[in-house]
Amino acid sequence: MESSRKMDIISGAVLLVLAIGLFISTLSFQQMTVAKIGSAFFPQVASIGIGVLSLIMMITAFLKKPVKEDHVAETGAETGTDGTLAVSEEQHIADDTSEKEDKKHYGLVGLTLLLLIAYVAVMSLLGFIISTSLYLFIQMVIMATQRDKMKYIIFAVLSIASSVLIYWIFKGFFNLMLPAGLLG
């Protein structure tokens, strides 16, 4: 089994366990309203969605056909005069570039996980609107491929508008309480 298939299966399994844990933890949420949609509804929907998507990820990884290494055209290898395979210089350069991009992506994933932990840690202190706005802005900056000042303005507007809209929907339509924090 090749490494990308293994990673998909492992990632899917970890996400499935997290989804199950999240769903189980929502069973202890107190019902604060008389409506059928309570504070546990959206986390339960999210955990079910994560669970279904993780199952799909694992199934597609199992069904993926393994790449055969004897395909010369796909690997960039050429047969030498002595019958051995020689890898072209372009393939080495492509492999090095691919490795650097993979390391960059792993760094982004790690940074995102740290950012999520910080977001959860400061939400009760700063409140939903401020902490979510900060989280979204920083996450957009991290994920942006080009750095220019105009994008930062757009990121800030989108972050604040999204946070306020989500807060308004949850508080106004669903009568659910989100942490107010500094905004009291």
Protein backbone atom coordinates (compact mmCIF):
# COMPACT_ATOMS: atom_id res chain seq x y z
CA MET A 1 0.00 0.00 0.00
CA GLU A 2 1.52 3.35 -1.00
CA SER A 3 2.03 6.15 1.50
CA SER A 4 -0.79 8.45 0.29
CA ARG A 5 -3.27 5.61 0.66
CA LYS A 6 -1.95 4.87 4.15
CA MET A 7 -2.19 8.54 5.10
CA ASP A 8 -5.78 8.75 3.83
CA ILE A 9 -6.75 5.67 5.82
CA ILE A 10 -5.01 6.86 8.98
CA SER A 11 -6.44 10.38 8.62
CA GLY A 12 -9.91 8.98 8.01
CA ALA A 13 -9.67 6.73 11.06
CA VAL A 14 -8.47 9.57 13.31
CA LEU A 15 -11.27 11.84 12.05
CA LEU A 16 -13.82 9.07 12.58
CA VAL A 17 -12.69 8.58 16.18
CA LEU A 18 -12.83 12.36 16.76
CA ALA A 19 -16.31 12.52 15.23
CA ILE A 20 -17.55 9.72 17.46
CA GLY A 21 -16.00 11.40 20.50
CA LEU A 22 -17.58 14.72 19.57
CA PHE A 23 -20.99 13.13 19.09
CA ILE A 24 -20.78 11.32 22.43
CA SER A 25 -19.75 14.53 24.20
CA THR A 26 -22.82 16.34 22.80
CA LEU A 27 -25.11 13.87 24.56
CA SER A 28 -24.27 15.57 27.86
CA PHE A 29 -25.21 19.08 26.65
CA GLN A 30 -28.01 20.66 28.65
CA GLN A 31 -31.15 21.62 26.76
CA MET A 32 -31.56 25.36 27.48
CA THR A 33 -34.57 25.93 25.24
CA VAL A 34 -37.92 24.25 24.67
CA ALA A 35 -37.26 24.12 20.93
CA LYS A 36 -36.26 20.81 19.35
CA ILE A 37 -33.08 22.40 18.04
CA GLY A 38 -30.90 22.89 21.09
CA SER A 39 -27.27 23.57 21.76
CA ALA A 40 -26.30 20.00 20.84
CA PHE A 41 -27.95 20.02 17.41
CA PHE A 42 -25.23 21.66 15.31
CA PRO A 43 -22.30 19.86 16.96
CA GLN A 44 -24.15 16.58 16.36
CA VAL A 45 -24.76 17.45 12.70
CA ALA A 46 -21.11 18.46 12.33
CA SER A 47 -19.87 15.26 13.99
CA ILE A 48 -22.10 13.11 11.77
CA GLY A 49 -20.85 15.00 8.71
CA ILE A 50 -17.22 14.54 9.76
CA GLY A 51 -17.86 10.84 10.40
CA VAL A 52 -19.49 10.29 7.01
CA LEU A 53 -16.73 12.17 5.18
CA SER A 54 -14.01 10.26 7.05
CA LEU A 55 -15.67 6.96 6.09
CA ILE A 56 -15.78 8.10 2.46
CA MET A 57 -12.10 9.03 2.68
CA MET A 58 -11.16 5.60 4.01
CA ILE A 59 -13.32 3.74 1.47
CA THR A 60 -11.89 5.67 -1.48
CA ALA A 61 -8.37 5.02 -0.16
CA PHE A 62 -9.09 1.29 -0.05
CA LEU A 63 -10.56 1.35 -3.56
CA LYS A 64 -7.68 3.37 -5.07
CA LYS A 65 -5.62 1.34 -7.45
CA PRO A 66 -1.98 1.20 -6.42
CA VAL A 67 0.47 2.86 -8.79
CA LYS A 68 2.76 0.34 -10.41
CA GLU A 69 6.40 1.26 -10.17
CA ASP A 70 7.36 -0.41 -13.44
CA HIS A 71 5.77 2.29 -15.57
CA VAL A 72 8.75 4.08 -17.06
CA ALA A 73 6.77 7.04 -18.38
CA GLU A 74 5.18 7.79 -15.02
CA THR A 75 8.36 7.62 -12.98
CA GLY A 76 10.64 9.43 -15.39
CA ALA A 77 13.08 6.53 -15.31
CA GLU A 78 15.02 5.40 -18.34
CA THR A 79 16.71 2.08 -18.97
CA GLY A 80 20.47 2.33 -19.16
CA THR A 81 22.76 0.28 -21.39
CA ASP A 82 23.36 -2.17 -18.58
CA GLY A 83 19.61 -2.80 -18.09
CA THR A 84 19.29 -0.79 -14.86
CA LEU A 85 16.85 2.05 -14.43
CA ALA A 86 18.29 5.54 -14.34
CA VAL A 87 16.18 8.41 -13.03
CA SER A 88 16.36 11.62 -15.04
CA GLU A 89 17.61 14.88 -13.54
CA GLU A 90 14.17 16.45 -14.07
CA GLN A 91 12.64 13.73 -11.92
CA HIS A 92 15.11 14.46 -9.10
CA ILE A 93 14.27 18.17 -9.26
CA ALA A 94 10.54 17.41 -9.30
CA ASP A 95 10.94 15.08 -6.31
CA ASP A 96 12.86 17.75 -4.35
CA THR A 97 10.21 20.37 -5.13
CA SER A 98 7.47 17.92 -4.16
CA GLU A 99 9.20 17.18 -0.83
CA LYS A 100 9.51 20.90 -0.03
CA GLU A 101 5.83 21.47 -0.83
CA ASP A 102 4.84 18.50 1.34
CA LYS A 103 6.85 19.87 4.27
CA LYS A 104 5.24 23.28 3.76
CA HIS A 105 1.78 21.69 3.80
CA TYR A 106 2.57 19.76 6.99
CA GLY A 107 3.72 23.01 8.57
CA LEU A 108 0.45 24.68 7.58
CA VAL A 109 -1.54 21.83 9.09
CA GLY A 110 0.44 22.04 12.33
CA LEU A 111 0.04 25.80 12.47
CA THR A 112 -3.71 25.46 11.87
CA LEU A 113 -4.01 22.95 14.72
CA LEU A 114 -2.16 25.30 17.06
CA LEU A 115 -4.37 28.16 15.93
CA LEU A 116 -7.52 26.12 16.62
CA ILE A 117 -6.29 25.25 20.11
CA ALA A 118 -5.58 28.92 20.82
CA TYR A 119 -9.01 29.86 19.42
CA VAL A 120 -10.79 27.49 21.79
CA ALA A 121 -8.62 28.62 24.71
CA VAL A 122 -9.38 32.34 24.32
CA MET A 123 -13.05 32.14 23.29
CA SER A 124 -14.47 32.36 26.81
CA LEU A 125 -12.22 35.31 27.61
CA LEU A 126 -12.56 37.32 24.38
CA GLY A 127 -15.99 36.10 23.33
CA PHE A 128 -17.25 34.55 20.12
CA ILE A 129 -17.15 37.59 17.85
CA ILE A 130 -13.64 38.78 18.72
CA SER A 131 -12.00 35.34 18.92
CA THR A 132 -13.70 34.09 15.74
CA SER A 133 -12.77 37.26 13.85
CA LEU A 134 -9.14 36.90 14.94
CA TYR A 135 -9.08 33.19 14.14
CA LEU A 136 -10.57 33.64 10.68
CA PHE A 137 -8.25 36.54 9.84
CA ILE A 138 -5.09 34.70 10.95
CA GLN A 139 -6.19 31.50 9.18
CA MET A 140 -6.81 33.40 5.94
CA VAL A 141 -3.39 35.04 6.18
CA ILE A 142 -1.75 31.66 6.79
CA MET A 143 -3.50 30.05 3.83
CA ALA A 144 -3.03 32.95 1.40
CA THR A 145 -0.52 32.28 -1.35
CA GLN A 146 0.15 35.90 -2.26
CA ARG A 147 0.91 38.63 0.23
CA ASP A 148 -0.46 42.06 -0.55
CA LYS A 149 -2.04 44.75 1.62
CA MET A 150 -5.39 44.73 -0.19
CA LYS A 151 -5.97 41.09 0.74
CA TYR A 152 -5.47 41.88 4.42
CA ILE A 153 -8.26 44.45 4.26
CA ILE A 154 -10.54 41.94 2.52
CA PHE A 155 -9.59 39.26 5.06
CA ALA A 156 -10.40 41.60 7.96
CA VAL A 157 -13.78 42.61 6.52
CA LEU A 158 -14.73 39.00 5.76
CA SER A 159 -13.63 37.80 9.19
CA ILE A 160 -15.58 40.43 11.11
CA ALA A 161 -18.68 40.20 8.89
CA SER A 162 -18.76 36.39 9.10
CA SER A 163 -18.37 36.39 12.88
CA VAL A 164 -21.10 38.98 13.41
CA LEU A 165 -23.46 37.21 10.99
CA ILE A 166 -22.95 33.81 12.63
CA TYR A 167 -23.43 35.31 16.10
CA TRP A 168 -26.61 37.07 14.97
CA ILE A 169 -28.03 33.88 13.39
CA PHE A 170 -27.32 31.73 16.44
CA LYS A 171 -28.58 34.30 18.93
CA GLY A 172 -31.50 35.70 16.94
CA PHE A 173 -32.90 32.67 15.15
CA PHE A 174 -31.89 29.70 17.25
CA ASN A 175 -31.89 31.42 20.66
CA LEU A 176 -28.53 29.85 21.43
CA MET A 177 -26.01 31.51 23.66
CA LEU A 178 -22.47 32.03 22.43
CA PRO A 179 -19.71 33.41 24.67
CA ALA A 180 -19.95 37.22 24.83
CA GLY A 181 -16.54 37.77 26.46
CA LEU A 182 -15.29 41.37 26.36
CA LEU A 183 -18.39 42.56 24.52
CA GLY A 184 -20.43 41.46 27.52
